[in-house]
Amino acid sequence: MDDDESALAEILTQYGASIIGFLVAKYDDFDHADAQDVLSIAIGKLWKRRHQYKEEDGRLRPYLFKIADNTAKDIFRTGWKQAQQLPVDFGEDNNLDLLAEDLSPAGETKRQRKDRDKRRANEIADLKAIISQLPEKEQQIVWSDAHAKDRVSDSGRLADELGIALGSVRGYRSRAWKTIRSKMKELGYELPPEGETDGK
C-alpha cells in the first residue's frame, strides 16, 4: 500500500459492508454501530502498518478481515480503549458464520416461543460448527451468500475477491451446501427443498 489516503475510501467501499455483516453475524453482542467502530479501528491499524503489507504476500481482503476479527476479540478481552492500542495480529484464518433469520409465528405463546428459541439456538450452534469445518473458500462463499439480498452472491465478484475462476465459485458453493445439507440431516434437522438455500 502507498501513502495515498484516498485508498482508504476505496477499501471501505469495497470491503466495509462485508466486514460489518461478518462482525454482526459472528459476535452476538455487537450491533451495527459497534461493528462500524471495529471496522474504523481495523482500518486505522491497517493504515498505520500499511508499509508492512506487500501485495505479493496475498490479497488485501483476508488481511483486513483478520485485523477486524482480532480487533473484536481484543475488545472483548481488554475493552474498547485498550483494543485500539494493541498491535495488529493477523492470526489464523477465520471461521465464517452464517447469520440465521429468526421469525416468530403469529399467536405464539411464551412457552412456545421459549421452546422455539431453544431449538433455534441449538440449530444455529450446530450450523456454525458445520460451517467452521468447511474449507476456507467454501466458508467465505456460504457467508457471502447468507448476507446477499437474494441469498446468493454474485459469482463474478466472489471469483475476483477469492482469486479463483468463476466456475470454481460454483463448484465450491455446490460442495459447501452439499456438506451442510448432509451434516444437518445427520443431526436430524429438516431442511427446505434443495435450491431454496444453496444459491441455485
Foldseek 3Di string as FASTA:
>chain_A
DDLDPVVLVVCCVLCVVVLLLQVVQPDVPDDSVNSNLLLVLLSVLCNVCVVVDDVVVDDPNLQSSQQSVVLVVCCVVPNNVVSSVDHGDSDDGDQTFARDDDDDDPPADPVRVVVVVVVVVVVRVQLSVQSSPQPRLLRVQQNVLRPDPQSHDDLVSSCVRVVHDSVVSVVSLVVSVVSSVVSVVVVPDDDDPPPNNRRD
